[in-house]
PDB file of N, CA and C in Angstrom:
ATOM      1  N   MET A   1     -18.892 -17.477 -11.501  1.00  0.00           N
ATOM      2  CA  MET A   1     -18.656 -16.052 -11.578  1.00  0.00           C
ATOM      3  C   MET A   1     -19.558 -15.328 -10.519  1.00  0.00           C
ATOM      4  N   ASN A   2     -19.060 -14.329  -9.872  1.00  0.00           N
ATOM      5  CA  ASN A   2     -19.822 -13.615  -8.980  1.00  0.00           C
ATOM      6  C   ASN A   2     -19.902 -12.115  -9.440  1.00  0.00           C
ATOM      7  N   ASP A   3     -20.563 -11.348  -8.536  1.00  0.00           N
ATOM      8  CA  ASP A   3     -20.719  -9.877  -8.896  1.00  0.00           C
ATOM      9  C   ASP A   3     -19.391  -9.121  -8.871  1.00  0.00           C
ATOM     10  N   LEU A   4     -18.422  -9.622  -8.207  1.00  0.00           N
ATOM     11  CA  LEU A   4     -17.154  -8.919  -8.126  1.00  0.00           C
ATOM     12  C   LEU A   4     -16.444  -8.936  -9.444  1.00  0.00           C
ATOM     13  N   HIS A   5     -16.585 -10.006 -10.188  1.00  0.00           N
ATOM     14  CA  HIS A   5     -15.930 -10.005 -11.560  1.00  0.00           C
ATOM     15  C   HIS A   5     -16.632  -8.997 -12.501  1.00  0.00           C
ATOM     16  N   MET A   6     -17.932  -8.919 -12.461  1.00  0.00           N
ATOM     17  CA  MET A   6     -18.591  -8.010 -13.342  1.00  0.00           C
ATOM     18  C   MET A   6     -18.330  -6.578 -12.882  1.00  0.00           C
ATOM     19  N   LEU A   7     -18.311  -6.288 -11.608  1.00  0.00           N
ATOM     20  CA  LEU A   7     -17.905  -4.963 -11.126  1.00  0.00           C
ATOM     21  C   LEU A   7     -16.502  -4.574 -11.553  1.00  0.00           C
ATOM     22  N   ASN A   8     -15.616  -5.511 -11.507  1.00  0.00           N
ATOM     23  CA  ASN A   8     -14.244  -5.232 -11.965  1.00  0.00           C
ATOM     24  C   ASN A   8     -14.119  -4.927 -13.453  1.00  0.00           C
ATOM     25  N   ALA A   9     -14.943  -5.740 -14.251  1.00  0.00           N
ATOM     26  CA  ALA A   9     -14.945  -5.547 -15.704  1.00  0.00           C
ATOM     27  C   ALA A   9     -15.620  -4.117 -15.995  1.00  0.00           C
ATOM     28  N   MET A  10     -16.652  -3.786 -15.353  1.00  0.00           N
ATOM     29  CA  MET A  10     -17.252  -2.469 -15.587  1.00  0.00           C
ATOM     30  C   MET A  10     -16.369  -1.355 -15.184  1.00  0.00           C
ATOM     31  N   GLN A  11     -15.608  -1.638 -14.038  1.00  0.00           N
ATOM     32  CA  GLN A  11     -14.671  -0.570 -13.550  1.00  0.00           C
ATOM     33  C   GLN A  11     -13.543  -0.322 -14.686  1.00  0.00           C
ATOM     34  N   GLN A  12     -13.089  -1.400 -15.219  1.00  0.00           N
ATOM     35  CA  GLN A  12     -12.048  -1.273 -16.246  1.00  0.00           C
ATOM     36  C   GLN A  12     -12.598  -0.520 -17.455  1.00  0.00           C
ATOM     37  N   MET A  13     -13.834  -0.852 -17.885  1.00  0.00           N
ATOM     38  CA  MET A  13     -14.359  -0.152 -18.971  1.00  0.00           C
ATOM     39  C   MET A  13     -14.536   1.294 -18.772  1.00  0.00           C
ATOM     40  N   LEU A  14     -15.063   1.636 -17.593  1.00  0.00           N
ATOM     41  CA  LEU A  14     -15.221   3.091 -17.250  1.00  0.00           C
ATOM     42  C   LEU A  14     -13.913   3.755 -17.184  1.00  0.00           C
ATOM     43  N   TYR A  15     -12.836   3.141 -16.667  1.00  0.00           N
ATOM     44  CA  TYR A  15     -11.549   3.727 -16.572  1.00  0.00           C
ATOM     45  C   TYR A  15     -10.971   4.029 -17.910  1.00  0.00           C
ATOM     46  N   TYR A  16     -11.019   3.073 -18.863  1.00  0.00           N
ATOM     47  CA  TYR A  16     -10.568   3.350 -20.196  1.00  0.00           C
ATOM     48  C   TYR A  16     -11.386   4.341 -20.961  1.00  0.00           C
ATOM     49  N   THR A  17     -12.688   4.391 -20.722  1.00  0.00           N
ATOM     50  CA  THR A  17     -13.438   5.428 -21.315  1.00  0.00           C
ATOM     51  C   THR A  17     -13.098   6.773 -20.801  1.00  0.00           C
ATOM     52  N   MET A  18     -12.867   6.883 -19.481  1.00  0.00           N
ATOM     53  CA  MET A  18     -12.465   8.171 -18.928  1.00  0.00           C
ATOM     54  C   MET A  18     -11.125   8.700 -19.455  1.00  0.00           C
ATOM     55  N   ILE A  19     -10.145   7.740 -19.538  1.00  0.00           N
ATOM     56  CA  ILE A  19      -8.915   8.113 -20.086  1.00  0.00           C
ATOM     57  C   ILE A  19      -8.996   8.539 -21.524  1.00  0.00           C
ATOM     58  N   ALA A  20      -9.754   7.836 -22.309  1.00  0.00           N
ATOM     59  CA  ALA A  20      -9.926   8.229 -23.729  1.00  0.00           C
ATOM     60  C   ALA A  20     -10.591   9.614 -23.930  1.00  0.00           C
ATOM     61  N   VAL A  21     -11.533   9.917 -23.096  1.00  0.00           N
ATOM     62  CA  VAL A  21     -12.221  11.169 -23.131  1.00  0.00           C
ATOM     63  C   VAL A  21     -11.353  12.358 -22.636  1.00  0.00           C
ATOM     64  N   CYS A  22     -10.603  12.082 -21.483  1.00  0.00           N
ATOM     65  CA  CYS A  22      -9.849  13.091 -20.890  1.00  0.00           C
ATOM     66  C   CYS A  22      -8.652  13.573 -21.707  1.00  0.00           C
ATOM     67  N   ILE A  23      -8.057  12.600 -22.371  1.00  0.00           N
ATOM     68  CA  ILE A  23      -6.853  12.943 -23.157  1.00  0.00           C
ATOM     69  C   ILE A  23      -7.222  13.852 -24.387  1.00  0.00           C
ATOM     70  N   ILE A  24      -8.464  13.867 -24.714  1.00  0.00           N
ATOM     71  CA  ILE A  24      -8.930  14.716 -25.861  1.00  0.00           C
ATOM     72  C   ILE A  24      -9.471  16.070 -25.301  1.00  0.00           C
ATOM     73  N   THR A  25     -10.305  15.985 -24.285  1.00  0.00           N
ATOM     74  CA  THR A  25     -11.037  17.223 -23.792  1.00  0.00           C
ATOM     75  C   THR A  25     -10.217  18.178 -23.011  1.00  0.00           C
ATOM     76  N   ILE A  26      -9.318  17.645 -22.167  1.00  0.00           N
ATOM     77  CA  ILE A  26      -8.585  18.545 -21.281  1.00  0.00           C
ATOM     78  C   ILE A  26      -7.613  19.482 -22.041  1.00  0.00           C
ATOM     79  N   PRO A  27      -6.859  19.084 -23.043  1.00  0.00           N
ATOM     80  CA  PRO A  27      -6.083  20.009 -23.776  1.00  0.00           C
ATOM     81  C   PRO A  27      -7.039  20.932 -24.604  1.00  0.00           C
ATOM     82  N   THR A  28      -8.162  20.528 -25.049  1.00  0.00           N
ATOM     83  CA  THR A  28      -9.067  21.399 -25.847  1.00  0.00           C
ATOM     84  C   THR A  28      -9.604  22.417 -24.885  1.00  0.00           C
ATOM     85  N   LEU A  29      -9.941  22.126 -23.622  1.00  0.00           N
ATOM     86  CA  LEU A  29     -10.458  23.081 -22.685  1.00  0.00           C
ATOM     87  C   LEU A  29      -9.250  24.065 -22.337  1.00  0.00           C
ATOM     88  N   ILE A  30      -8.057  23.621 -22.262  1.00  0.00           N
ATOM     89  CA  ILE A  30      -6.944  24.512 -21.917  1.00  0.00           C
ATOM     90  C   ILE A  30      -6.795  25.565 -23.048  1.00  0.00           C
ATOM     91  N   VAL A  31      -6.868  25.081 -24.268  1.00  0.00           N
ATOM     92  CA  VAL A  31      -6.669  25.983 -25.472  1.00  0.00           C
ATOM     93  C   VAL A  31      -7.865  26.944 -25.494  1.00  0.00           C
ATOM     94  N   GLY A  32      -9.068  26.520 -25.179  1.00  0.00           N
ATOM     95  CA  GLY A  32     -10.183  27.381 -25.160  1.00  0.00           C
ATOM     96  C   GLY A  32     -10.086  28.460 -24.086  1.00  0.00           C
ATOM     97  N   LEU A  33      -9.554  28.121 -22.899  1.00  0.00           N
ATOM     98  CA  LEU A  33      -9.344  29.051 -21.832  1.00  0.00           C
ATOM     99  C   LEU A  33      -8.263  30.046 -22.224  1.00  0.00           C
ATOM    100  N   ILE A  34      -7.182  29.624 -22.776  1.00  0.00           N
ATOM    101  CA  ILE A  34      -6.152  30.541 -23.290  1.00  0.00           C
ATOM    102  C   ILE A  34      -6.646  31.574 -24.270  1.00  0.00           C
ATOM    103  N   VAL A  35      -7.409  31.106 -25.295  1.00  0.00           N
ATOM    104  CA  VAL A  35      -7.993  31.911 -26.331  1.00  0.00           C
ATOM    105  C   VAL A  35      -9.026  32.891 -25.656  1.00  0.00           C
ATOM    106  N   SER A  36      -9.801  32.409 -24.714  1.00  0.00           N
ATOM    107  CA  SER A  36     -10.732  33.294 -24.070  1.00  0.00           C
ATOM    108  C   SER A  36     -10.073  34.415 -23.234  1.00  0.00           C
ATOM    109  N   ILE A  37      -8.986  34.066 -22.672  1.00  0.00           N
ATOM    110  CA  ILE A  37      -8.195  35.109 -21.879  1.00  0.00           C
ATOM    111  C   ILE A  37      -7.645  36.190 -22.877  1.00  0.00           C
ATOM    112  N   ILE A  38      -7.147  35.676 -23.989  1.00  0.00           N
ATOM    113  CA  ILE A  38      -6.610  36.615 -24.954  1.00  0.00           C
ATOM    114  C   ILE A  38      -7.740  37.417 -25.519  1.00  0.00           C
ATOM    115  N   GLN A  39      -8.925  36.874 -25.801  1.00  0.00           N
ATOM    116  CA  GLN A  39     -10.079  37.676 -26.272  1.00  0.00           C
ATOM    117  C   GLN A  39     -10.521  38.679 -25.266  1.00  0.00           C
ATOM    118  N   ALA A  40     -10.466  38.345 -23.992  1.00  0.00           N
ATOM    119  CA  ALA A  40     -10.874  39.257 -22.965  1.00  0.00           C
ATOM    120  C   ALA A  40      -9.881  40.440 -22.836  1.00  0.00           C
ATOM    121  N   ALA A  41      -8.612  40.075 -23.050  1.00  0.00           N
ATOM    122  CA  ALA A  41      -7.603  41.129 -22.910  1.00  0.00           C
ATOM    123  C   ALA A  41      -7.572  42.098 -24.113  1.00  0.00           C
ATOM    124  N   THR A  42      -7.929  41.581 -25.277  1.00  0.00           N
ATOM    125  CA  THR A  42      -7.938  42.453 -26.455  1.00  0.00           C
ATOM    126  C   THR A  42      -9.336  42.905 -26.814  1.00  0.00           C
ATOM    127  N   GLN A  43     -10.384  42.498 -26.192  1.00  0.00           N
ATOM    128  CA  GLN A  43     -11.812  42.845 -26.410  1.00  0.00           C
ATOM    129  C   GLN A  43     -12.172  42.466 -27.871  1.00  0.00           C
ATOM    130  N   ILE A  44     -11.646  41.411 -28.365  1.00  0.00           N
ATOM    131  CA  ILE A  44     -12.112  40.943 -29.635  1.00  0.00           C
ATOM    132  C   ILE A  44     -13.021  39.738 -29.397  1.00  0.00           C
ATOM    133  N   ASN A  45     -14.280  39.879 -29.763  1.00  0.00           N
ATOM    134  CA  ASN A  45     -15.275  38.719 -29.537  1.00  0.00           C
ATOM    135  C   ASN A  45     -15.626  38.118 -30.799  1.00  0.00           C
ATOM    136  N   GLU A  46     -14.817  37.340 -31.322  1.00  0.00           N
ATOM    137  CA  GLU A  46     -15.149  36.588 -32.551  1.00  0.00           C
ATOM    138  C   GLU A  46     -15.159  35.129 -32.229  1.00  0.00           C
ATOM    139  N   MET A  47     -16.365  34.473 -32.642  1.00  0.00           N
ATOM    140  CA  MET A  47     -16.579  33.107 -32.275  1.00  0.00           C
ATOM    141  C   MET A  47     -15.627  32.196 -32.960  1.00  0.00           C
ATOM    142  N   THR A  48     -15.167  32.452 -34.137  1.00  0.00           N
ATOM    143  CA  THR A  48     -14.304  31.528 -34.841  1.00  0.00           C
ATOM    144  C   THR A  48     -12.885  31.514 -34.278  1.00  0.00           C
ATOM    145  N   MET A  49     -12.519  32.552 -33.496  1.00  0.00           N
ATOM    146  CA  MET A  49     -11.269  32.530 -32.830  1.00  0.00           C
ATOM    147  C   MET A  49     -11.168  31.479 -31.738  1.00  0.00           C
ATOM    148  N   THR A  50     -12.283  31.113 -31.208  1.00  0.00           N
ATOM    149  CA  THR A  50     -12.228  30.095 -30.152  1.00  0.00           C
ATOM    150  C   THR A  50     -12.539  28.711 -30.786  1.00  0.00           C
ATOM    151  N   PHE A  51     -13.348  28.647 -31.800  1.00  0.00           N
ATOM    152  CA  PHE A  51     -13.795  27.373 -32.465  1.00  0.00           C
ATOM    153  C   PHE A  51     -12.608  26.748 -33.221  1.00  0.00           C
ATOM    154  N   ILE A  52     -11.892  27.523 -34.083  1.00  0.00           N
ATOM    155  CA  ILE A  52     -10.905  26.902 -34.910  1.00  0.00           C
ATOM    156  C   ILE A  52      -9.647  26.322 -34.146  1.00  0.00           C
ATOM    157  N   PRO A  53      -9.130  26.992 -33.174  1.00  0.00           N
ATOM    158  CA  PRO A  53      -7.985  26.438 -32.401  1.00  0.00           C
ATOM    159  C   PRO A  53      -8.325  25.193 -31.639  1.00  0.00           C
ATOM    160  N   LYS A  54      -9.625  25.160 -31.086  1.00  0.00           N
ATOM    161  CA  LYS A  54     -10.052  23.949 -30.258  1.00  0.00           C
ATOM    162  C   LYS A  54     -10.241  22.847 -31.276  1.00  0.00           C
ATOM    163  N   MET A  55     -10.757  23.038 -32.480  1.00  0.00           N
ATOM    164  CA  MET A  55     -10.906  21.924 -33.478  1.00  0.00           C
ATOM    165  C   MET A  55      -9.581  21.470 -33.922  1.00  0.00           C
ATOM    166  N   LEU A  56      -8.640  22.351 -34.158  1.00  0.00           N
ATOM    167  CA  LEU A  56      -7.311  21.983 -34.590  1.00  0.00           C
ATOM    168  C   LEU A  56      -6.601  21.053 -33.463  1.00  0.00           C
ATOM    169  N   VAL A  57      -6.714  21.517 -32.267  1.00  0.00           N
ATOM    170  CA  VAL A  57      -6.127  20.712 -31.166  1.00  0.00           C
ATOM    171  C   VAL A  57      -6.798  19.356 -31.007  1.00  0.00           C
ATOM    172  N   MET A  58      -8.104  19.335 -31.112  1.00  0.00           N
ATOM    173  CA  MET A  58      -8.817  18.009 -31.064  1.00  0.00           C
ATOM    174  C   MET A  58      -8.467  17.053 -32.078  1.00  0.00           C
ATOM    175  N   PHE A  59      -8.496  17.517 -33.373  1.00  0.00           N
ATOM    176  CA  PHE A  59      -8.144  16.666 -34.509  1.00  0.00           C
ATOM    177  C   PHE A  59      -6.701  16.254 -34.525  1.00  0.00           C
ATOM    178  N   THR A  60      -5.830  17.141 -34.099  1.00  0.00           N
ATOM    179  CA  THR A  60      -4.396  16.776 -34.034  1.00  0.00           C
ATOM    180  C   THR A  60      -4.197  15.712 -32.953  1.00  0.00           C
ATOM    181  N   LEU A  61      -4.837  15.808 -31.800  1.00  0.00           N
ATOM    182  CA  LEU A  61      -4.712  14.861 -30.740  1.00  0.00           C
ATOM    183  C   LEU A  61      -5.317  13.421 -31.216  1.00  0.00           C
ATOM    184  N   LEU A  62      -6.446  13.537 -31.834  1.00  0.00           N
ATOM    185  CA  LEU A  62      -7.064  12.284 -32.369  1.00  0.00           C
ATOM    186  C   LEU A  62      -6.146  11.656 -33.408  1.00  0.00           C
ATOM    187  N   PHE A  63      -5.516  12.393 -34.258  1.00  0.00           N
ATOM    188  CA  PHE A  63      -4.660  11.865 -35.204  1.00  0.00           C
ATOM    189  C   PHE A  63      -3.396  11.244 -34.644  1.00  0.00           C
ATOM    190  N   ILE A  64      -2.856  11.885 -33.663  1.00  0.00           N
ATOM    191  CA  ILE A  64      -1.658  11.378 -32.984  1.00  0.00           C
ATOM    192  C   ILE A  64      -1.946  10.195 -32.090  1.00  0.00           C
ATOM    193  N   LEU A  65      -3.019  10.271 -31.309  1.00  0.00           N
ATOM    194  CA  LEU A  65      -3.243   9.324 -30.221  1.00  0.00           C
ATOM    195  C   LEU A  65      -4.166   8.145 -30.666  1.00  0.00           C
ATOM    196  N   SER A  66      -4.749   8.199 -31.846  1.00  0.00           N
ATOM    197  CA  SER A  66      -5.699   7.072 -32.263  1.00  0.00           C
ATOM    198  C   SER A  66      -5.065   5.754 -32.339  1.00  0.00           C
ATOM    199  N   PRO A  67      -3.780   5.560 -32.713  1.00  0.00           N
ATOM    200  CA  PRO A  67      -3.208   4.141 -32.670  1.00  0.00           C
ATOM    201  C   PRO A  67      -3.105   3.676 -31.306  1.00  0.00           C
ATOM    202  N   TRP A  68      -2.690   4.539 -30.291  1.00  0.00           N
ATOM    203  CA  TRP A  68      -2.692   4.128 -28.935  1.00  0.00           C
ATOM    204  C   TRP A  68      -4.066   3.743 -28.402  1.00  0.00           C
ATOM    205  N   LEU A  69      -5.042   4.609 -28.683  1.00  0.00           N
ATOM    206  CA  LEU A  69      -6.435   4.342 -28.230  1.00  0.00           C
ATOM    207  C   LEU A  69      -6.981   3.009 -28.847  1.00  0.00           C
ATOM    208  N   MET A  70      -6.684   2.856 -30.056  1.00  0.00           N
ATOM    209  CA  MET A  70      -7.149   1.537 -30.676  1.00  0.00           C
ATOM    210  C   MET A  70      -6.452   0.400 -30.070  1.00  0.00           C
ATOM    211  N   HIS A  71      -5.151   0.478 -29.796  1.00  0.00           N
ATOM    212  CA  HIS A  71      -4.440  -0.595 -29.106  1.00  0.00           C
ATOM    213  C   HIS A  71      -5.035  -0.924 -27.750  1.00  0.00           C
ATOM    214  N   GLN A  72      -5.387   0.121 -26.991  1.00  0.00           N
ATOM    215  CA  GLN A  72      -5.986  -0.116 -25.730  1.00  0.00           C
ATOM    216  C   GLN A  72      -7.357  -0.733 -25.819  1.00  0.00           C
ATOM    217  N   LEU A  73      -8.047  -0.288 -26.806  1.00  0.00           N
ATOM    218  CA  LEU A  73      -9.425  -0.866 -27.089  1.00  0.00           C
ATOM    219  C   LEU A  73      -9.302  -2.380 -27.424  1.00  0.00           C
ATOM    220  N   VAL A  74      -8.350  -2.714 -28.291  1.00  0.00           N
ATOM    221  CA  VAL A  74      -8.098  -4.149 -28.648  1.00  0.00           C
ATOM    222  C   VAL A  74      -7.740  -4.905 -27.490  1.00  0.00           C
ATOM    223  N   LEU A  75      -6.818  -4.429 -26.573  1.00  0.00           N
ATOM    224  CA  LEU A  75      -6.444  -5.202 -25.429  1.00  0.00           C
ATOM    225  C   LEU A  75      -7.596  -5.477 -24.522  1.00  0.00           C
ATOM    226  N   ILE A  76      -8.418  -4.463 -24.225  1.00  0.00           N
ATOM    227  CA  ILE A  76      -9.492  -4.681 -23.244  1.00  0.00           C
ATOM    228  C   ILE A  76     -10.577  -5.602 -23.820  1.00  0.00           C
ATOM    229  N   MET A  77     -10.816  -5.420 -25.169  1.00  0.00           N
ATOM    230  CA  MET A  77     -11.793  -6.386 -25.722  1.00  0.00           C
ATOM    231  C   MET A  77     -11.353  -7.760 -25.771  1.00  0.00           C
ATOM    232  N   ARG A  78      -9.992  -7.983 -26.060  1.00  0.00           N
ATOM    233  CA  ARG A  78      -9.422  -9.338 -26.021  1.00  0.00           C
ATOM    234  C   ARG A  78      -9.522  -9.945 -24.605  1.00  0.00           C
ATOM    235  N   GLN A  79      -9.298  -9.111 -23.567  1.00  0.00           N
ATOM    236  CA  GLN A  79      -9.506  -9.514 -22.249  1.00  0.00           C
ATOM    237  C   GLN A  79     -10.899  -9.943 -21.892  1.00  0.00           C
ATOM    238  N   PHE A  80     -11.826  -9.128 -22.355  1.00  0.00           N
ATOM    239  CA  PHE A  80     -13.265  -9.448 -22.026  1.00  0.00           C
ATOM    240  C   PHE A  80     -13.738 -10.671 -22.816  1.00  0.00           C
ATOM    241  N   LEU A  81     -13.319 -10.811 -23.970  1.00  0.00           N
ATOM    242  CA  LEU A  81     -13.835 -11.933 -24.804  1.00  0.00           C
ATOM    243  C   LEU A  81     -13.134 -13.251 -24.321  1.00  0.00           C
ATOM    244  N   THR A  82     -11.838 -13.126 -23.807  1.00  0.00           N
ATOM    245  CA  THR A  82     -11.226 -14.343 -23.244  1.00  0.00           C
ATOM    246  C   THR A  82     -11.870 -14.719 -21.941  1.00  0.00           C
ATOM    247  N   ASN A  83     -12.349 -13.783 -21.123  1.00  0.00           N
ATOM    248  CA  ASN A  83     -13.011 -14.184 -19.857  1.00  0.00           C
ATOM    249  C   ASN A  83     -14.562 -14.281 -20.000  1.00  0.00           C
ATOM    250  N   LEU A  84     -15.053 -14.284 -21.259  1.00  0.00           N
ATOM    251  CA  LEU A  84     -16.491 -14.348 -21.431  1.00  0.00           C
ATOM    252  C   LEU A  84     -17.112 -15.547 -20.809  1.00  0.00           C
ATOM    253  N   PRO A  85     -16.466 -16.780 -20.955  1.00  0.00           N
ATOM    254  CA  PRO A  85     -17.048 -17.953 -20.279  1.00  0.00           C
ATOM    255  C   PRO A  85     -17.183 -17.799 -18.790  1.00  0.00           C
ATOM    256  N   ALA A  86     -16.229 -17.124 -18.161  1.00  0.00           N
ATOM    257  CA  ALA A  86     -16.273 -16.901 -16.705  1.00  0.00           C
ATOM    258  C   ALA A  86     -17.434 -15.921 -16.403  1.00  0.00           C
ATOM    259  N   TYR A  87     -17.647 -14.938 -17.275  1.00  0.00           N
ATOM    260  CA  TYR A  87     -18.706 -13.956 -16.980  1.00  0.00           C
ATOM    261  C   TYR A  87     -20.052 -14.638 -17.196  1.00  0.00           C
ATOM    262  N   ILE A  88     -20.236 -15.591 -18.046  1.00  0.00           N
ATOM    263  CA  ILE A  88     -21.555 -16.169 -18.282  1.00  0.00           C
ATOM    264  C   ILE A  88     -21.937 -17.149 -17.157  1.00  0.00           C
ATOM    265  N   ARG A  89     -20.898 -17.777 -16.542  1.00  0.00           N
ATOM    266  CA  ARG A  89     -21.232 -18.743 -15.432  1.00  0.00           C
ATOM    267  C   ARG A  89     -21.915 -18.111 -14.236  1.00  0.00           C
TER     268      ARG A  89
END
């Protein structure tokens, strides 16, 4: 095993981590921006108006996408554990 294998494994881990984080945070940020624009237009400055919709979007996405995320996690862990002897060498 050389450094290229380890760099490839770390690159895959970082890629899947970035995908998992982005599919949750980007829609949450978009909802927060929309609510902020509505608050600026109506001049209503209530903190719960931004907090509740963002939490609802985040938990809904986690509920819907958690099977896919777990499937991806199982696949990458299976790949790493299968290639473990090559990483140790």
